[in-house]
Amino acid sequence: MLTDINPKLPMRNKTITRDYYVNQLGFKELGDYRQYLMVQKDNIEIHFFEFKDLNPKENYGQVYIRTNAIESLYQSLLDSAVKIHPNGALETKPWGQKEFALLDPDSNLLTFGQSI
């Protein structure tokens, strides 16, 4: 019966969040409502809710996004000068995944993975 999951992550500033996801990561905007933003890329949809008092150092928002083209995705982000998480370079993990990670402007962790 379950068909999709669309994570909801906190954002402090909708303009900054939209810019990061649309202009840096290549998502398209699906909806912009008063304190809510929705973006989509391929089959991935992420929603954001306004949380102006969010302390990014205390944000534990995380999303694990599966891909079937991890190396080309990683390279395209490097080519676009998207900052990779300091501990999140592309590598093969012991649990059978190739992964890398990014932190968005509000410190939401985006981990991208592909089964090997």
PDB file of N, CA and C in Angstrom:
ATOM      1  N   MET A   1       0.802  -1.210   0.000  1.00  0.00           N
ATOM      2  CA  MET A   1       0.000   0.000   0.000  1.00  0.00           C
ATOM      3  C   MET A   1       0.844   1.274   0.000  1.00  0.00           C
ATOM      4  N   LEU A   2       2.020   1.257   0.631  1.00  0.00           N
ATOM      5  CA  LEU A   2       2.856   2.457   0.652  1.00  0.00           C
ATOM      6  C   LEU A   2       3.502   2.651  -0.712  1.00  0.00           C
ATOM      7  N   THR A   3       3.558   3.896  -1.184  1.00  0.00           N
ATOM      8  CA  THR A   3       4.074   4.143  -2.529  1.00  0.00           C
ATOM      9  C   THR A   3       5.259   5.105  -2.592  1.00  0.00           C
ATOM     10  N   ASP A   4       5.388   6.008  -1.666  1.00  0.00           N
ATOM     11  CA  ASP A   4       6.446   7.018  -1.693  1.00  0.00           C
ATOM     12  C   ASP A   4       6.742   7.497  -0.284  1.00  0.00           C
ATOM     13  N   ILE A   5       7.873   8.156  -0.162  1.00  0.00           N
ATOM     14  CA  ILE A   5       8.176   8.877   1.063  1.00  0.00           C
ATOM     15  C   ILE A   5       8.783  10.214   0.667  1.00  0.00           C
ATOM     16  N   ASN A   6       8.277  11.264   1.245  1.00  0.00           N
ATOM     17  CA  ASN A   6       8.759  12.614   0.967  1.00  0.00           C
ATOM     18  C   ASN A   6       9.194  13.239   2.291  1.00  0.00           C
ATOM     19  N   PRO A   7      10.486  13.231   2.566  1.00  0.00           N
ATOM     20  CA  PRO A   7      10.948  13.762   3.843  1.00  0.00           C
ATOM     21  C   PRO A   7      10.665  15.257   3.970  1.00  0.00           C
ATOM     22  N   LYS A   8      10.451  15.673   5.208  1.00  0.00           N
ATOM     23  CA  LYS A   8      10.248  17.079   5.535  1.00  0.00           C
ATOM     24  C   LYS A   8      11.418  17.507   6.406  1.00  0.00           C
ATOM     25  N   LEU A   9      12.145  18.510   5.948  1.00  0.00           N
ATOM     26  CA  LEU A   9      13.325  18.987   6.650  1.00  0.00           C
ATOM     27  C   LEU A   9      13.140  20.450   7.049  1.00  0.00           C
ATOM     28  N   PRO A  10      13.796  20.878   8.123  1.00  0.00           N
ATOM     29  CA  PRO A  10      13.682  22.272   8.541  1.00  0.00           C
ATOM     30  C   PRO A  10      14.535  23.197   7.674  1.00  0.00           C
ATOM     31  N   MET A  11      14.076  24.430   7.532  1.00  0.00           N
ATOM     32  CA  MET A  11      14.836  25.464   6.833  1.00  0.00           C
ATOM     33  C   MET A  11      14.659  26.774   7.589  1.00  0.00           C
ATOM     34  N   ARG A  12      15.704  27.559   7.627  1.00  0.00           N
ATOM     35  CA  ARG A  12      15.625  28.871   8.266  1.00  0.00           C
ATOM     36  C   ARG A  12      15.180  29.943   7.284  1.00  0.00           C
ATOM     37  N   ASN A  13      15.633  29.837   6.020  1.00  0.00           N
ATOM     38  CA  ASN A  13      15.386  30.872   5.035  1.00  0.00           C
ATOM     39  C   ASN A  13      15.044  30.206   3.704  1.00  0.00           C
ATOM     40  N   LYS A  14      13.831  30.409   3.265  1.00  0.00           N
ATOM     41  CA  LYS A  14      13.355  29.736   2.056  1.00  0.00           C
ATOM     42  C   LYS A  14      14.163  30.133   0.822  1.00  0.00           C
ATOM     43  N   THR A  15      14.556  31.379   0.705  1.00  0.00           N
ATOM     44  CA  THR A  15      15.330  31.830  -0.455  1.00  0.00           C
ATOM     45  C   THR A  15      16.664  31.111  -0.540  1.00  0.00           C
ATOM     46  N   ILE A  16      17.342  30.974   0.570  1.00  0.00           N
ATOM     47  CA  ILE A  16      18.641  30.291   0.612  1.00  0.00           C
ATOM     48  C   ILE A  16      18.468  28.803   0.316  1.00  0.00           C
ATOM     49  N   THR A  17      17.456  28.193   0.908  1.00  0.00           N
ATOM     50  CA  THR A  17      17.199  26.767   0.680  1.00  0.00           C
ATOM     51  C   THR A  17      16.865  26.516  -0.782  1.00  0.00           C
ATOM     52  N   ARG A  18      15.975  27.326  -1.358  1.00  0.00           N
ATOM     53  CA  ARG A  18      15.608  27.173  -2.764  1.00  0.00           C
ATOM     54  C   ARG A  18      16.841  27.324  -3.652  1.00  0.00           C
ATOM     55  N   ASP A  19      17.655  28.319  -3.395  1.00  0.00           N
ATOM     56  CA  ASP A  19      18.853  28.536  -4.197  1.00  0.00           C
ATOM     57  C   ASP A  19      19.780  27.325  -4.156  1.00  0.00           C
ATOM     58  N   TYR A  20      19.997  26.773  -2.969  1.00  0.00           N
ATOM     59  CA  TYR A  20      20.895  25.621  -2.836  1.00  0.00           C
ATOM     60  C   TYR A  20      20.365  24.417  -3.607  1.00  0.00           C
ATOM     61  N   TYR A  21      19.120  24.071  -3.400  1.00  0.00           N
ATOM     62  CA  TYR A  21      18.569  22.864  -4.026  1.00  0.00           C
ATOM     63  C   TYR A  21      18.327  23.043  -5.529  1.00  0.00           C
ATOM     64  N   VAL A  22      17.870  24.202  -5.949  1.00  0.00           N
ATOM     65  CA  VAL A  22      17.562  24.416  -7.365  1.00  0.00           C
ATOM     66  C   VAL A  22      18.830  24.764  -8.153  1.00  0.00           C
ATOM     67  N   ASN A  23      19.558  25.755  -7.702  1.00  0.00           N
ATOM     68  CA  ASN A  23      20.690  26.246  -8.484  1.00  0.00           C
ATOM     69  C   ASN A  23      21.979  25.458  -8.289  1.00  0.00           C
ATOM     70  N   GLN A  24      22.155  24.801  -7.154  1.00  0.00           N
ATOM     71  CA  GLN A  24      23.377  24.045  -6.937  1.00  0.00           C
ATOM     72  C   GLN A  24      23.190  22.540  -7.142  1.00  0.00           C
ATOM     73  N   LEU A  25      22.066  22.001  -6.659  1.00  0.00           N
ATOM     74  CA  LEU A  25      21.864  20.555  -6.760  1.00  0.00           C
ATOM     75  C   LEU A  25      21.009  20.143  -7.955  1.00  0.00           C
ATOM     76  N   GLY A  26      20.395  21.087  -8.634  1.00  0.00           N
ATOM     77  CA  GLY A  26      19.649  20.767  -9.841  1.00  0.00           C
ATOM     78  C   GLY A  26      18.229  20.278  -9.634  1.00  0.00           C
ATOM     79  N   PHE A  27      17.652  20.530  -8.466  1.00  0.00           N
ATOM     80  CA  PHE A  27      16.243  20.201  -8.241  1.00  0.00           C
ATOM     81  C   PHE A  27      15.385  21.255  -8.935  1.00  0.00           C
ATOM     82  N   LYS A  28      14.120  20.954  -9.121  1.00  0.00           N
ATOM     83  CA  LYS A  28      13.176  21.969  -9.600  1.00  0.00           C
ATOM     84  C   LYS A  28      12.172  22.234  -8.493  1.00  0.00           C
ATOM     85  N   GLU A  29      11.687  23.447  -8.463  1.00  0.00           N
ATOM     86  CA  GLU A  29      10.709  23.828  -7.452  1.00  0.00           C
ATOM     87  C   GLU A  29       9.344  23.274  -7.827  1.00  0.00           C
ATOM     88  N   LEU A  30       8.715  22.587  -6.869  1.00  0.00           N
ATOM     89  CA  LEU A  30       7.365  22.054  -7.077  1.00  0.00           C
ATOM     90  C   LEU A  30       6.293  22.944  -6.471  1.00  0.00           C
ATOM     91  N   GLY A  31       6.637  23.569  -5.367  1.00  0.00           N
ATOM     92  CA  GLY A  31       5.652  24.396  -4.681  1.00  0.00           C
ATOM     93  C   GLY A  31       6.313  25.331  -3.701  1.00  0.00           C
ATOM     94  N   ASP A  32       5.797  26.545  -3.631  1.00  0.00           N
ATOM     95  CA  ASP A  32       6.302  27.565  -2.717  1.00  0.00           C
ATOM     96  C   ASP A  32       5.090  28.168  -2.021  1.00  0.00           C
ATOM     97  N   TYR A  33       4.949  27.812  -0.771  1.00  0.00           N
ATOM     98  CA  TYR A  33       3.824  28.292   0.018  1.00  0.00           C
ATOM     99  C   TYR A  33       4.374  29.118   1.173  1.00  0.00           C
ATOM    100  N   ARG A  34       3.545  29.779   1.871  1.00  0.00           N
ATOM    101  CA  ARG A  34       3.952  30.747   2.882  1.00  0.00           C
ATOM    102  C   ARG A  34       5.194  30.316   3.667  1.00  0.00           C
ATOM    103  N   GLN A  35       5.171  29.205   4.345  1.00  0.00           N
ATOM    104  CA  GLN A  35       6.306  28.755   5.153  1.00  0.00           C
ATOM    105  C   GLN A  35       6.701  27.334   4.787  1.00  0.00           C
ATOM    106  N   TYR A  36       6.536  27.015   3.518  1.00  0.00           N
ATOM    107  CA  TYR A  36       6.734  25.640   3.062  1.00  0.00           C
ATOM    108  C   TYR A  36       7.288  25.672   1.646  1.00  0.00           C
ATOM    109  N   LEU A  37       8.215  24.761   1.361  1.00  0.00           N
ATOM    110  CA  LEU A  37       8.833  24.664   0.046  1.00  0.00           C
ATOM    111  C   LEU A  37       8.921  23.199  -0.343  1.00  0.00           C
ATOM    112  N   MET A  38       8.662  22.898  -1.618  1.00  0.00           N
ATOM    113  CA  MET A  38       8.785  21.537  -2.128  1.00  0.00           C
ATOM    114  C   MET A  38       9.673  21.563  -3.358  1.00  0.00           C
ATOM    115  N   VAL A  39      10.641  20.617  -3.419  1.00  0.00           N
ATOM    116  CA  VAL A  39      11.526  20.505  -4.576  1.00  0.00           C
ATOM    117  C   VAL A  39      11.563  19.052  -5.034  1.00  0.00           C
ATOM    118  N   GLN A  40      11.944  18.861  -6.311  1.00  0.00           N
ATOM    119  CA  GLN A  40      11.980  17.518  -6.881  1.00  0.00           C
ATOM    120  C   GLN A  40      13.136  17.406  -7.867  1.00  0.00           C
ATOM    121  N   LYS A  41      13.764  16.233  -7.874  1.00  0.00           N
ATOM    122  CA  LYS A  41      14.760  15.884  -8.885  1.00  0.00           C
ATOM    123  C   LYS A  41      14.573  14.408  -9.179  1.00  0.00           C
ATOM    124  N   ASP A  42      14.380  14.082 -10.447  1.00  0.00           N
ATOM    125  CA  ASP A  42      14.084  12.712 -10.851  1.00  0.00           C
ATOM    126  C   ASP A  42      12.904  12.207 -10.021  1.00  0.00           C
ATOM    127  N   ASN A  43      13.062  11.125  -9.255  1.00  0.00           N
ATOM    128  CA  ASN A  43      11.958  10.589  -8.450  1.00  0.00           C
ATOM    129  C   ASN A  43      12.034  10.990  -6.980  1.00  0.00           C
ATOM    130  N   ILE A  44      12.891  11.955  -6.671  1.00  0.00           N
ATOM    131  CA  ILE A  44      13.090  12.380  -5.284  1.00  0.00           C
ATOM    132  C   ILE A  44      12.344  13.690  -5.050  1.00  0.00           C
ATOM    133  N   GLU A  45      11.531  13.726  -4.018  1.00  0.00           N
ATOM    134  CA  GLU A  45      10.821  14.939  -3.626  1.00  0.00           C
ATOM    135  C   GLU A  45      11.146  15.216  -2.163  1.00  0.00           C
ATOM    136  N   ILE A  46      11.570  16.446  -1.883  1.00  0.00           N
ATOM    137  CA  ILE A  46      11.884  16.843  -0.511  1.00  0.00           C
ATOM    138  C   ILE A  46      11.043  18.072  -0.174  1.00  0.00           C
ATOM    139  N   HIS A  47      10.462  18.077   1.010  1.00  0.00           N
ATOM    140  CA  HIS A  47       9.662  19.194   1.500  1.00  0.00           C
ATOM    141  C   HIS A  47      10.438  19.869   2.628  1.00  0.00           C
ATOM    142  N   PHE A  48      10.236  21.169   2.752  1.00  0.00           N
ATOM    143  CA  PHE A  48      10.896  21.952   3.805  1.00  0.00           C
ATOM    144  C   PHE A  48       9.858  22.785   4.527  1.00  0.00           C
ATOM    145  N   PHE A  49      10.003  22.865   5.833  1.00  0.00           N
ATOM    146  CA  PHE A  49       9.128  23.707   6.638  1.00  0.00           C
ATOM    147  C   PHE A  49       9.978  24.783   7.305  1.00  0.00           C
ATOM    148  N   GLU A  50       9.414  25.962   7.448  1.00  0.00           N
ATOM    149  CA  GLU A  50      10.148  27.077   8.035  1.00  0.00           C
ATOM    150  C   GLU A  50      10.374  26.854   9.529  1.00  0.00           C
ATOM    151  N   PHE A  51      11.604  27.037   9.944  1.00  0.00           N
ATOM    152  CA  PHE A  51      11.991  26.942  11.353  1.00  0.00           C
ATOM    153  C   PHE A  51      13.063  28.005  11.565  1.00  0.00           C
ATOM    154  N   LYS A  52      12.621  29.258  11.694  1.00  0.00           N
ATOM    155  CA  LYS A  52      13.538  30.400  11.761  1.00  0.00           C
ATOM    156  C   LYS A  52      14.521  30.323  12.928  1.00  0.00           C
ATOM    157  N   ASP A  53      14.131  29.687  14.020  1.00  0.00           N
ATOM    158  CA  ASP A  53      14.996  29.617  15.195  1.00  0.00           C
ATOM    159  C   ASP A  53      15.888  28.380  15.208  1.00  0.00           C
ATOM    160  N   LEU A  54      15.941  27.656  14.124  1.00  0.00           N
ATOM    161  CA  LEU A  54      16.780  26.462  14.046  1.00  0.00           C
ATOM    162  C   LEU A  54      18.241  26.824  14.276  1.00  0.00           C
ATOM    163  N   ASN A  55      18.886  26.076  15.139  1.00  0.00           N
ATOM    164  CA  ASN A  55      20.331  26.203  15.329  1.00  0.00           C
ATOM    165  C   ASN A  55      20.964  25.102  14.481  1.00  0.00           C
ATOM    166  N   PRO A  56      21.647  25.454  13.387  1.00  0.00           N
ATOM    167  CA  PRO A  56      22.205  24.428  12.504  1.00  0.00           C
ATOM    168  C   PRO A  56      23.149  23.461  13.215  1.00  0.00           C
ATOM    169  N   LYS A  57      23.783  23.902  14.285  1.00  0.00           N
ATOM    170  CA  LYS A  57      24.692  23.019  15.028  1.00  0.00           C
ATOM    171  C   LYS A  57      23.930  21.971  15.830  1.00  0.00           C
ATOM    172  N   GLU A  58      22.614  22.160  15.954  1.00  0.00           N
ATOM    173  CA  GLU A  58      21.780  21.211  16.693  1.00  0.00           C
ATOM    174  C   GLU A  58      20.764  20.522  15.786  1.00  0.00           C
ATOM    175  N   ASN A  59      20.942  20.633  14.482  1.00  0.00           N
ATOM    176  CA  ASN A  59      20.005  20.037  13.537  1.00  0.00           C
ATOM    177  C   ASN A  59      20.460  18.619  13.202  1.00  0.00           C
ATOM    178  N   TYR A  60      19.562  17.675  13.374  1.00  0.00           N
ATOM    179  CA  TYR A  60      19.861  16.278  13.064  1.00  0.00           C
ATOM    180  C   TYR A  60      19.056  15.770  11.878  1.00  0.00           C
ATOM    181  N   GLY A  61      18.540  16.702  11.041  1.00  0.00           N
ATOM    182  CA  GLY A  61      17.794  16.307   9.849  1.00  0.00           C
ATOM    183  C   GLY A  61      18.707  15.529   8.900  1.00  0.00           C
ATOM    184  N   GLN A  62      18.224  14.374   8.444  1.00  0.00           N
ATOM    185  CA  GLN A  62      19.016  13.523   7.560  1.00  0.00           C
ATOM    186  C   GLN A  62      18.114  12.827   6.551  1.00  0.00           C
ATOM    187  N   VAL A  63      18.646  12.671   5.341  1.00  0.00           N
ATOM    188  CA  VAL A  63      17.945  11.941   4.295  1.00  0.00           C
ATOM    189  C   VAL A  63      18.964  11.052   3.593  1.00  0.00           C
ATOM    190  N   TYR A  64      18.595   9.802   3.339  1.00  0.00           N
ATOM    191  CA  TYR A  64      19.437   8.885   2.565  1.00  0.00           C
ATOM    192  C   TYR A  64      18.771   8.726   1.208  1.00  0.00           C
ATOM    193  N   ILE A  65      19.482   9.119   0.154  1.00  0.00           N
ATOM    194  CA  ILE A  65      18.933   9.107  -1.195  1.00  0.00           C
ATOM    195  C   ILE A  65      19.669   8.056  -2.022  1.00  0.00           C
ATOM    196  N   ARG A  66      18.934   7.114  -2.547  1.00  0.00           N
ATOM    197  CA  ARG A  66      19.534   6.077  -3.385  1.00  0.00           C
ATOM    198  C   ARG A  66      19.644   6.581  -4.824  1.00  0.00           C
ATOM    199  N   THR A  67      20.713   6.141  -5.485  1.00  0.00           N
ATOM    200  CA  THR A  67      20.953   6.514  -6.876  1.00  0.00           C
ATOM    201  C   THR A  67      21.471   5.303  -7.639  1.00  0.00           C
ATOM    202  N   ASN A  68      21.352   5.339  -8.941  1.00  0.00           N
ATOM    203  CA  ASN A  68      21.927   4.273  -9.758  1.00  0.00           C
ATOM    204  C   ASN A  68      23.106   4.786 -10.582  1.00  0.00           C
ATOM    205  N   ALA A  69      23.587   5.990 -10.235  1.00  0.00           N
ATOM    206  CA  ALA A  69      24.708   6.603 -10.956  1.00  0.00           C
ATOM    207  C   ALA A  69      25.558   7.426  -9.987  1.00  0.00           C
ATOM    208  N   ILE A  70      26.027   6.793  -8.929  1.00  0.00           N
ATOM    209  CA  ILE A  70      26.707   7.508  -7.850  1.00  0.00           C
ATOM    210  C   ILE A  70      27.954   8.257  -8.318  1.00  0.00           C
ATOM    211  N   GLU A  71      28.757   7.626  -9.151  1.00  0.00           N
ATOM    212  CA  GLU A  71      30.019   8.253  -9.553  1.00  0.00           C
ATOM    213  C   GLU A  71      29.790   9.474 -10.442  1.00  0.00           C
ATOM    214  N   SER A  72      28.866   9.379 -11.381  1.00  0.00           N
ATOM    215  CA  SER A  72      28.612  10.539 -12.239  1.00  0.00           C
ATOM    216  C   SER A  72      27.913  11.655 -11.464  1.00  0.00           C
ATOM    217  N   LEU A  73      27.033  11.310 -10.534  1.00  0.00           N
ATOM    218  CA  LEU A  73      26.397  12.316  -9.687  1.00  0.00           C
ATOM    219  C   LEU A  73      27.442  13.039  -8.851  1.00  0.00           C
ATOM    220  N   TYR A  74      28.318  12.280  -8.226  1.00  0.00           N
ATOM    221  CA  TYR A  74      29.384  12.855  -7.401  1.00  0.00           C
ATOM    222  C   TYR A  74      30.262  13.788  -8.246  1.00  0.00           C
ATOM    223  N   GLN A  75      30.671  13.326  -9.415  1.00  0.00           N
ATOM    224  CA  GLN A  75      31.541  14.134 -10.269  1.00  0.00           C
ATOM    225  C   GLN A  75      30.834  15.402 -10.737  1.00  0.00           C
ATOM    226  N   SER A  76      29.551  15.306 -11.051  1.00  0.00           N
ATOM    227  CA  SER A  76      28.820  16.496 -11.497  1.00  0.00           C
ATOM    228  C   SER A  76      28.735  17.537 -10.387  1.00  0.00           C
ATOM    229  N   LEU A  77      28.600  17.088  -9.150  1.00  0.00           N
ATOM    230  CA  LEU A  77      28.572  18.029  -8.031  1.00  0.00           C
ATOM    231  C   LEU A  77      29.944  18.654  -7.819  1.00  0.00           C
ATOM    232  N   LEU A  78      30.992  17.853  -7.923  1.00  0.00           N
ATOM    233  CA  LEU A  78      32.349  18.410  -7.825  1.00  0.00           C
ATOM    234  C   LEU A  78      32.587  19.437  -8.935  1.00  0.00           C
ATOM    235  N   ASP A  79      32.181  19.097 -10.159  1.00  0.00           N
ATOM    236  CA  ASP A  79      32.359  20.001 -11.305  1.00  0.00           C
ATOM    237  C   ASP A  79      31.595  21.311 -11.109  1.00  0.00           C
ATOM    238  N   SER A  80      30.500  21.268 -10.352  1.00  0.00           N
ATOM    239  CA  SER A  80      29.696  22.459 -10.078  1.00  0.00           C
ATOM    240  C   SER A  80      30.128  23.165  -8.797  1.00  0.00           C
ATOM    241  N   ALA A  81      31.218  22.703  -8.203  1.00  0.00           N
ATOM    242  CA  ALA A  81      31.787  23.293  -6.983  1.00  0.00           C
ATOM    243  C   ALA A  81      30.847  23.205  -5.779  1.00  0.00           C
ATOM    244  N   VAL A  82      30.005  22.160  -5.746  1.00  0.00           N
ATOM    245  CA  VAL A  82      29.169  21.920  -4.570  1.00  0.00           C
ATOM    246  C   VAL A  82      30.071  21.346  -3.484  1.00  0.00           C
ATOM    247  N   LYS A  83      29.957  21.911  -2.297  1.00  0.00           N
ATOM    248  CA  LYS A  83      30.802  21.493  -1.188  1.00  0.00           C
ATOM    249  C   LYS A  83      30.361  20.126  -0.663  1.00  0.00           C
ATOM    250  N   ILE A  84      31.293  19.186  -0.648  1.00  0.00           N
ATOM    251  CA  ILE A  84      31.048  17.846  -0.113  1.00  0.00           C
ATOM    252  C   ILE A  84      31.311  17.901   1.388  1.00  0.00           C
ATOM    253  N   HIS A  85      30.548  17.144   2.168  1.00  0.00           N
ATOM    254  CA  HIS A  85      30.756  17.084   3.623  1.00  0.00           C
ATOM    255  C   HIS A  85      32.215  16.713   3.901  1.00  0.00           C
ATOM    256  N   PRO A  86      32.859  17.354   4.880  1.00  0.00           N
ATOM    257  CA  PRO A  86      34.273  17.063   5.162  1.00  0.00           C
ATOM    258  C   PRO A  86      34.565  15.582   5.412  1.00  0.00           C
ATOM    259  N   ASN A  87      33.611  14.854   5.953  1.00  0.00           N
ATOM    260  CA  ASN A  87      33.776  13.420   6.181  1.00  0.00           C
ATOM    261  C   ASN A  87      32.939  12.597   5.214  1.00  0.00           C
ATOM    262  N   GLY A  88      32.539  13.207   4.084  1.00  0.00           N
ATOM    263  CA  GLY A  88      31.573  12.558   3.216  1.00  0.00           C
ATOM    264  C   GLY A  88      32.019  12.324   1.794  1.00  0.00           C
ATOM    265  N   ALA A  89      33.331  12.223   1.551  1.00  0.00           N
ATOM    266  CA  ALA A  89      33.794  11.957   0.182  1.00  0.00           C
ATOM    267  C   ALA A  89      33.293  10.592  -0.282  1.00  0.00           C
ATOM    268  N   LEU A  90      33.204  10.420  -1.576  1.00  0.00           N
ATOM    269  CA  LEU A  90      32.740   9.164  -2.146  1.00  0.00           C
ATOM    270  C   LEU A  90      33.659   8.023  -1.733  1.00  0.00           C
ATOM    271  N   GLU A  91      33.058   6.993  -1.157  1.00  0.00           N
ATOM    272  CA  GLU A  91      33.822   5.812  -0.775  1.00  0.00           C
ATOM    273  C   GLU A  91      32.903   4.611  -0.649  1.00  0.00           C
ATOM    274  N   THR A  92      33.520   3.442  -0.719  1.00  0.00           N
ATOM    275  CA  THR A  92      32.790   2.199  -0.537  1.00  0.00           C
ATOM    276  C   THR A  92      32.727   1.891   0.947  1.00  0.00           C
ATOM    277  N   LYS A  93      31.529   1.626   1.427  1.00  0.00           N
ATOM    278  CA  LYS A  93      31.300   1.361   2.846  1.00  0.00           C
ATOM    279  C   LYS A  93      31.245  -0.144   3.093  1.00  0.00           C
ATOM    280  N   PRO A  94      31.532  -0.579   4.334  1.00  0.00           N
ATOM    281  CA  PRO A  94      31.508  -2.011   4.652  1.00  0.00           C
ATOM    282  C   PRO A  94      30.139  -2.657   4.488  1.00  0.00           C
ATOM    283  N   TRP A  95      29.077  -1.846   4.461  1.00  0.00           N
ATOM    284  CA  TRP A  95      27.724  -2.402   4.346  1.00  0.00           C
ATOM    285  C   TRP A  95      27.273  -2.522   2.892  1.00  0.00           C
ATOM    286  N   GLY A  96      28.234  -2.472   1.949  1.00  0.00           N
ATOM    287  CA  GLY A  96      27.928  -2.759   0.559  1.00  0.00           C
ATOM    288  C   GLY A  96      27.346  -1.600  -0.227  1.00  0.00           C
ATOM    289  N   GLN A  97      27.654  -0.390   0.181  1.00  0.00           N
ATOM    290  CA  GLN A  97      27.179   0.807  -0.512  1.00  0.00           C
ATOM    291  C   GLN A  97      28.368   1.689  -0.880  1.00  0.00           C
ATOM    292  N   LYS A  98      28.269   2.375  -2.017  1.00  0.00           N
ATOM    293  CA  LYS A  98      29.143   3.501  -2.323  1.00  0.00           C
ATOM    294  C   LYS A  98      28.360   4.722  -1.915  1.00  0.00           C
ATOM    295  N   GLU A  99      28.978   5.608  -1.134  1.00  0.00           N
ATOM    296  CA  GLU A  99      28.249   6.747  -0.585  1.00  0.00           C
ATOM    297  C   GLU A  99      29.094   8.015  -0.594  1.00  0.00           C
ATOM    298  N   PHE A 100      28.370   9.146  -0.589  1.00  0.00           N
ATOM    299  CA  PHE A 100      28.966  10.445  -0.276  1.00  0.00           C
ATOM    300  C   PHE A 100      27.882  11.290   0.386  1.00  0.00           C
ATOM    301  N   ALA A 101      28.293  12.402   1.005  1.00  0.00           N
ATOM    302  CA  ALA A 101      27.331  13.195   1.762  1.00  0.00           C
ATOM    303  C   ALA A 101      27.576  14.691   1.590  1.00  0.00           C
ATOM    304  N   LEU A 102      26.490  15.441   1.733  1.00  0.00           N
ATOM    305  CA  LEU A 102      26.497  16.899   1.685  1.00  0.00           C
ATOM    306  C   LEU A 102      25.768  17.428   2.912  1.00  0.00           C
ATOM    307  N   LEU A 103      26.079  18.646   3.300  1.00  0.00           N
ATOM    308  CA  LEU A 103      25.295  19.369   4.293  1.00  0.00           C
ATOM    309  C   LEU A 103      24.668  20.562   3.590  1.00  0.00           C
ATOM    310  N   ASP A 104      23.348  20.712   3.719  1.00  0.00           N
ATOM    311  CA  ASP A 104      22.708  21.873   3.114  1.00  0.00           C
ATOM    312  C   ASP A 104      22.920  23.089   4.017  1.00  0.00           C
ATOM    313  N   PRO A 105      22.440  24.262   3.632  1.00  0.00           N
ATOM    314  CA  PRO A 105      22.696  25.471   4.421  1.00  0.00           C
ATOM    315  C   PRO A 105      22.180  25.426   5.858  1.00  0.00           C
ATOM    316  N   ASP A 106      21.266  24.504   6.158  1.00  0.00           N
ATOM    317  CA  ASP A 106      20.739  24.378   7.518  1.00  0.00           C
ATOM    318  C   ASP A 106      21.295  23.160   8.244  1.00  0.00           C
ATOM    319  N   SER A 107      22.330  22.553   7.672  1.00  0.00           N
ATOM    320  CA  SER A 107      22.991  21.362   8.226  1.00  0.00           C
ATOM    321  C   SER A 107      22.128  20.113   8.172  1.00  0.00           C
ATOM    322  N   ASN A 108      21.180  20.062   7.245  1.00  0.00           N
ATOM    323  CA  ASN A 108      20.503  18.801   6.956  1.00  0.00           C
ATOM    324  C   ASN A 108      21.497  17.943   6.191  1.00  0.00           C
ATOM    325  N   LEU A 109      21.701  16.706   6.645  1.00  0.00           N
ATOM    326  CA  LEU A 109      22.650  15.809   6.009  1.00  0.00           C
ATOM    327  C   LEU A 109      21.979  15.050   4.878  1.00  0.00           C
ATOM    328  N   LEU A 110      22.541  15.173   3.672  1.00  0.00           N
ATOM    329  CA  LEU A 110      22.059  14.438   2.505  1.00  0.00           C
ATOM    330  C   LEU A 110      23.109  13.397   2.174  1.00  0.00           C
ATOM    331  N   THR A 111      22.785  12.126   2.344  1.00  0.00           N
ATOM    332  CA  THR A 111      23.694  11.058   1.998  1.00  0.00           C
ATOM    333  C   THR A 111      23.159  10.376   0.743  1.00  0.00           C
ATOM    334  N   PHE A 112      24.015  10.224  -0.246  1.00  0.00           N
ATOM    335  CA  PHE A 112      23.664   9.574  -1.505  1.00  0.00           C
ATOM    336  C   PHE A 112      24.354   8.228  -1.531  1.00  0.00           C
ATOM    337  N   GLY A 113      23.625   7.184  -1.906  1.00  0.00           N
ATOM    338  CA  GLY A 113      24.205   5.845  -1.898  1.00  0.00           C
ATOM    339  C   GLY A 113      23.746   4.983  -3.055  1.00  0.00           C
ATOM    340  N   GLN A 114      24.640   4.060  -3.422  1.00  0.00           N
ATOM    341  CA  GLN A 114      24.336   3.088  -4.473  1.00  0.00           C
ATOM    342  C   GLN A 114      24.868   1.730  -4.020  1.00  0.00           C
ATOM    343  N   SER A 115      24.046   0.691  -4.173  1.00  0.00           N
ATOM    344  CA  SER A 115      24.480  -0.662  -3.852  1.00  0.00           C
ATOM    345  C   SER A 115      25.584  -1.082  -4.809  1.00  0.00           C
ATOM    346  N   ILE A 116      26.554  -1.829  -4.260  1.00  0.00           N
ATOM    347  CA  ILE A 116      27.631  -2.325  -5.121  1.00  0.00           C
ATOM    348  C   ILE A 116      27.550  -3.839  -5.231  1.00  0.00           C
TER     349      ILE A 116
END
